[in-house]
Amino acid sequence: MIEIKNLHKKFGKLTVLDGLDLTINPEGSEGGIFAILGPNGSGKTTLIKCLLGMVIPNKGEISINGASVLKKWNYRNNLNYLPQIANFPPNLTVIELLKMVKNLRPKASNEQELIDLFGLESFLKKKLGNLSGGTKQKVNLVLTFMFDSELIILDEPTTGLDPIALIHLKELILQEKEKGKTILITTHIMSFVDEMADEIVFLLDGKIYFKGSVSKLKEQTNQSNLEHAIANLITKQHA
């Protein structure tokens, strides 16, 4: 369970998170897929970075499974993170990168299963700087899913993926959900959210303006299309 209370974050005079309260996967519930949505500048990235310990809030509390995680690091060993942009060392080969990450994180891993799933065997000895964007994203996904963790955070996970890889990604996410994992996703692809998310958390100007199912949002905004429902939500708040 993730519990965030009265979270504030400013960068200079700019308020990015403004007293944000959020509970994800309440105690007693099993796994789920949560989409954190909002326009550019809404506070999504800052919220994720606060969860990861990459940004320290000015005020507020973040707890995971009842324990505060602010200014701590050991909780990250039970967390997997897929960054939006995979800035890999260009002179390393794929296999060298995988070995390095395994050495840095002493947990059991299932990278070979994922290498086979995404068809990366023929790329293992190639340098990361020579790979296409889509292939780098597949490597990014292997690094994210090869360790067993309770919380998985995916930032724009579909970027550059071909249709077959996208199908495999969806299957992976659903498998993790079935294991009772909590998966947080940020994305601008509303069709992906519509298909995958159990709940939406919609941020605007550092505050939460909606939390609930896709169907509930469509009903609330009287829209049958998720993109139109989100646009309706933004328009109403800016009216």
Protein backbone atom coordinates (compact mmCIF):
# COMPACT_ATOMS: atom_id res chain seq x y z
CA MET A 1 0.00 0.00 0.00
CA ILE A 2 1.21 3.50 -0.85
CA GLU A 3 -0.01 6.37 1.30
CA ILE A 4 0.86 9.98 0.53
CA LYS A 5 -0.23 12.75 2.89
CA ASN A 6 -0.15 16.53 2.37
CA LEU A 7 2.74 16.38 -0.13
CA HIS A 8 4.20 19.75 -1.11
CA LYS A 9 7.03 20.46 -3.51
CA LYS A 10 8.29 23.78 -4.86
CA PHE A 11 11.08 24.49 -7.31
CA GLY A 12 11.91 28.09 -6.56
CA LYS A 13 8.63 30.00 -6.69
CA LEU A 14 6.92 27.30 -8.77
CA THR A 15 4.56 25.05 -6.80
CA VAL A 16 4.57 21.61 -8.42
CA LEU A 17 2.79 19.54 -5.74
CA ASP A 18 0.24 21.37 -3.61
CA GLY A 19 -0.92 19.40 -0.57
CA LEU A 20 -1.41 16.15 -2.46
CA ASP A 21 -3.16 13.25 -0.66
CA LEU A 22 -3.27 9.82 -2.28
CA THR A 23 -3.79 6.20 -1.24
CA ILE A 24 -2.98 3.46 -3.74
CA ASN A 25 -3.84 -0.20 -3.21
CA PRO A 26 -5.48 0.04 0.23
CA GLU A 27 -4.65 -2.58 2.83
CA GLY A 28 -6.41 -5.86 2.20
CA SER A 29 -6.62 -5.42 -1.58
CA GLU A 30 -4.58 -7.44 -4.05
CA GLY A 31 -2.44 -5.88 -6.76
CA GLY A 32 -3.63 -3.47 -9.37
CA ILE A 33 -2.72 -1.27 -12.32
CA PHE A 34 -2.90 2.45 -11.61
CA ALA A 35 -2.45 5.07 -14.33
CA ILE A 36 -1.15 8.45 -13.14
CA LEU A 37 -2.34 10.94 -15.74
CA GLY A 38 -2.23 14.66 -16.31
CA PRO A 39 -1.05 17.26 -18.82
CA ASN A 40 2.56 18.41 -19.01
CA GLY A 41 3.47 20.32 -15.86
CA SER A 42 0.74 18.70 -13.76
CA GLY A 43 3.18 17.19 -11.23
CA LYS A 44 3.24 13.55 -12.44
CA THR A 45 7.00 13.30 -12.84
CA THR A 46 7.69 15.05 -9.53
CA LEU A 47 5.28 12.70 -7.73
CA ILE A 48 7.04 9.65 -9.23
CA LYS A 49 10.46 11.06 -8.34
CA CYS A 50 9.30 11.64 -4.76
CA LEU A 51 8.22 7.98 -4.58
CA LEU A 52 11.62 6.94 -5.93
CA GLY A 53 13.51 9.16 -3.47
CA MET A 54 14.98 11.20 -6.34
CA VAL A 55 13.17 14.35 -5.16
CA ILE A 56 12.70 15.28 -1.50
CA PRO A 57 9.37 17.07 -0.84
CA ASN A 58 9.28 20.32 1.12
CA LYS A 59 6.49 18.97 3.30
CA GLY A 60 4.38 15.84 3.70
CA GLU A 61 4.76 12.11 4.21
CA ILE A 62 5.15 9.07 1.96
CA SER A 63 4.76 5.56 3.37
CA ILE A 64 4.84 2.16 1.68
CA ASN A 65 3.29 -0.77 3.55
CA GLY A 66 2.99 1.40 6.64
CA ALA A 67 6.66 2.50 6.80
CA SER A 68 7.89 6.00 5.97
CA VAL A 69 10.28 6.04 3.00
CA LEU A 70 11.37 9.68 3.00
CA LYS A 71 15.17 10.04 3.06
CA LYS A 72 15.53 6.25 3.17
CA TRP A 73 16.87 3.91 0.51
CA ASN A 74 16.41 0.24 1.50
CA TYR A 75 12.75 0.20 0.36
CA ARG A 76 13.96 0.66 -3.24
CA ASN A 77 15.14 -2.95 -3.31
CA ASN A 78 11.47 -3.93 -3.46
CA LEU A 79 10.71 -1.51 -6.27
CA ASN A 80 11.28 -1.75 -10.04
CA TYR A 81 11.43 1.40 -12.18
CA LEU A 82 11.29 1.90 -15.94
CA PRO A 83 12.53 5.40 -16.85
CA GLN A 84 11.00 7.18 -19.83
CA ILE A 85 14.37 7.61 -21.54
CA ALA A 86 16.91 4.80 -21.35
CA ASN A 87 20.26 6.61 -21.13
CA PHE A 88 22.50 3.55 -21.35
CA PRO A 89 26.33 3.75 -21.60
CA PRO A 90 26.76 3.57 -25.42
CA ASN A 91 30.01 1.56 -25.36
CA LEU A 92 28.60 -1.27 -23.24
CA THR A 93 27.05 -4.29 -24.90
CA VAL A 94 23.58 -5.44 -23.87
CA ILE A 95 24.93 -8.45 -22.00
CA GLU A 96 27.52 -6.30 -20.18
CA LEU A 97 24.76 -3.94 -19.02
CA LEU A 98 22.61 -6.83 -17.78
CA LYS A 99 25.55 -8.31 -15.85
CA MET A 100 26.42 -4.93 -14.35
CA VAL A 101 22.86 -4.35 -13.10
CA LYS A 102 22.70 -7.89 -11.68
CA ASN A 103 25.95 -7.25 -9.79
CA LEU A 104 24.57 -3.99 -8.41
CA ARG A 105 21.33 -5.58 -7.27
CA PRO A 106 21.81 -8.91 -5.50
CA LYS A 107 18.37 -10.40 -6.13
CA ALA A 108 17.32 -13.45 -8.12
CA SER A 109 16.63 -12.51 -11.73
CA ASN A 110 14.85 -14.02 -14.72
CA GLU A 111 16.51 -12.07 -17.53
CA GLN A 112 16.82 -15.01 -19.94
CA GLU A 113 13.07 -15.53 -19.98
CA LEU A 114 12.59 -11.85 -20.87
CA ILE A 115 15.40 -11.86 -23.44
CA ASP A 116 13.59 -14.72 -25.21
CA LEU A 117 10.21 -12.99 -24.88
CA PHE A 118 11.41 -9.78 -26.56
CA GLY A 119 13.67 -11.52 -29.11
CA LEU A 120 16.91 -9.93 -27.85
CA GLU A 121 19.24 -12.94 -28.08
CA SER A 122 20.87 -11.71 -31.32
CA PHE A 123 21.48 -8.26 -29.79
CA LEU A 124 23.26 -9.34 -26.59
CA LYS A 125 26.78 -8.71 -27.92
CA LYS A 126 25.89 -5.46 -29.69
CA LYS A 127 26.77 -2.08 -28.22
CA LEU A 128 23.89 -0.13 -26.77
CA GLY A 129 24.86 2.96 -28.73
CA ASN A 130 24.19 1.09 -31.99
CA LEU A 131 20.68 -0.10 -31.10
CA SER A 132 17.43 1.39 -32.38
CA GLY A 133 15.13 3.21 -29.96
CA GLY A 134 12.67 0.31 -29.93
CA THR A 135 15.38 -2.25 -29.14
CA LYS A 136 16.72 -0.04 -26.33
CA GLN A 137 13.21 0.07 -24.90
CA LYS A 138 13.07 -3.72 -24.92
CA VAL A 139 16.36 -3.80 -23.00
CA ASN A 140 14.84 -1.23 -20.64
CA LEU A 141 11.87 -3.56 -20.06
CA VAL A 142 14.14 -6.56 -19.38
CA LEU A 143 16.02 -4.54 -16.74
CA THR A 144 12.72 -3.50 -15.15
CA PHE A 145 10.95 -6.85 -15.01
CA MET A 146 13.87 -9.21 -14.37
CA PHE A 147 13.70 -8.68 -10.59
CA ASP A 148 10.77 -9.71 -8.39
CA SER A 149 9.44 -6.64 -6.55
CA GLU A 150 6.09 -5.64 -5.05
CA LEU A 151 5.96 -2.17 -6.63
CA ILE A 152 6.59 -1.51 -10.34
CA ILE A 153 6.71 2.03 -11.74
CA LEU A 154 6.57 2.40 -15.54
CA ASP A 155 7.14 5.81 -17.15
CA GLU A 156 5.86 5.81 -20.78
CA PRO A 157 6.48 2.05 -21.17
CA THR A 158 5.10 1.75 -24.72
CA THR A 159 7.58 4.18 -26.33
CA GLY A 160 9.07 2.78 -29.55
CA LEU A 161 7.58 -0.71 -29.20
CA ASP A 162 6.38 -2.66 -32.23
CA PRO A 163 2.93 -4.32 -32.03
CA ILE A 164 4.27 -7.74 -30.97
CA ALA A 165 6.47 -6.26 -28.21
CA LEU A 166 3.50 -4.19 -27.04
CA ILE A 167 1.39 -7.35 -26.71
CA HIS A 168 4.18 -8.98 -24.66
CA LEU A 169 4.40 -5.90 -22.43
CA LYS A 170 0.66 -6.02 -21.73
CA GLU A 171 0.92 -9.72 -20.90
CA LEU A 172 3.83 -9.04 -18.52
CA ILE A 173 1.94 -6.29 -16.70
CA LEU A 174 -1.14 -8.49 -16.28
CA GLN A 175 1.00 -11.37 -14.99
CA GLU A 176 2.54 -9.08 -12.38
CA LYS A 177 -0.90 -7.87 -11.35
CA GLU A 178 -2.07 -11.48 -10.92
CA LYS A 179 0.89 -12.02 -8.55
CA GLY A 180 -0.50 -9.25 -6.35
CA LYS A 181 1.93 -6.54 -7.50
CA THR A 182 1.10 -2.83 -7.60
CA ILE A 183 1.90 -1.28 -10.99
CA LEU A 184 1.99 2.51 -11.49
CA ILE A 185 2.00 3.72 -15.09
CA THR A 186 2.42 7.20 -16.53
CA THR A 187 1.59 7.51 -20.21
CA HIS A 188 -0.01 9.77 -22.81
CA ILE A 189 -1.45 6.78 -24.72
CA MET A 190 -5.08 6.75 -23.62
CA SER A 191 -5.95 3.54 -25.49
CA PHE A 192 -3.32 1.75 -23.36
CA VAL A 193 -4.84 3.20 -20.18
CA ASP A 194 -8.37 2.31 -21.30
CA GLU A 195 -7.34 -1.31 -21.86
CA MET A 196 -5.01 -1.84 -18.88
CA ALA A 197 -5.79 0.43 -15.91
CA ASP A 198 -7.90 -0.59 -12.94
CA GLU A 199 -7.86 2.98 -11.66
CA ILE A 200 -6.89 6.43 -12.90
CA VAL A 201 -5.29 9.13 -10.78
CA PHE A 202 -5.62 12.46 -12.63
CA LEU A 203 -3.33 15.33 -11.59
CA LEU A 204 -3.67 18.99 -12.50
CA ASP A 205 -1.64 21.87 -11.06
CA GLY A 206 -0.17 19.63 -8.38
CA LYS A 207 -3.51 18.38 -7.05
CA ILE A 208 -5.65 15.29 -7.65
CA TYR A 209 -8.87 16.05 -9.50
CA PHE A 210 -10.05 12.50 -10.08
CA LYS A 211 -9.37 9.03 -8.69
CA GLY A 212 -11.38 6.04 -9.80
CA SER A 213 -12.04 3.60 -12.62
CA VAL A 214 -12.03 4.43 -16.33
CA SER A 215 -15.75 3.68 -16.52
CA LYS A 216 -16.45 6.01 -13.59
CA LEU A 217 -14.58 8.86 -15.30
CA LYS A 218 -16.46 8.30 -18.56
CA GLU A 219 -19.74 8.29 -16.66
CA GLN A 220 -18.84 11.41 -14.67
CA THR A 221 -17.89 13.37 -17.81
CA ASN A 222 -20.65 11.84 -19.96
CA GLN A 223 -18.09 10.69 -22.53
CA SER A 224 -17.65 7.28 -24.14
CA ASN A 225 -14.05 7.99 -25.21
CA LEU A 226 -11.29 8.23 -22.57
CA GLU A 227 -9.36 10.97 -24.40
CA HIS A 228 -12.52 13.08 -24.56
CA ALA A 229 -13.25 12.34 -20.90
CA ILE A 230 -9.77 13.56 -19.88
CA ALA A 231 -10.11 16.65 -22.11
CA ASN A 232 -13.51 17.35 -20.48
CA LEU A 233 -11.94 17.11 -17.02
CA ILE A 234 -9.16 19.57 -17.94
CA THR A 235 -11.59 22.01 -19.57
CA LYS A 236 -13.91 22.02 -16.54
CA GLN A 237 -11.06 22.70 -14.10
CA HIS A 238 -9.69 25.51 -16.25
CA ALA A 239 -13.10 27.06 -16.87
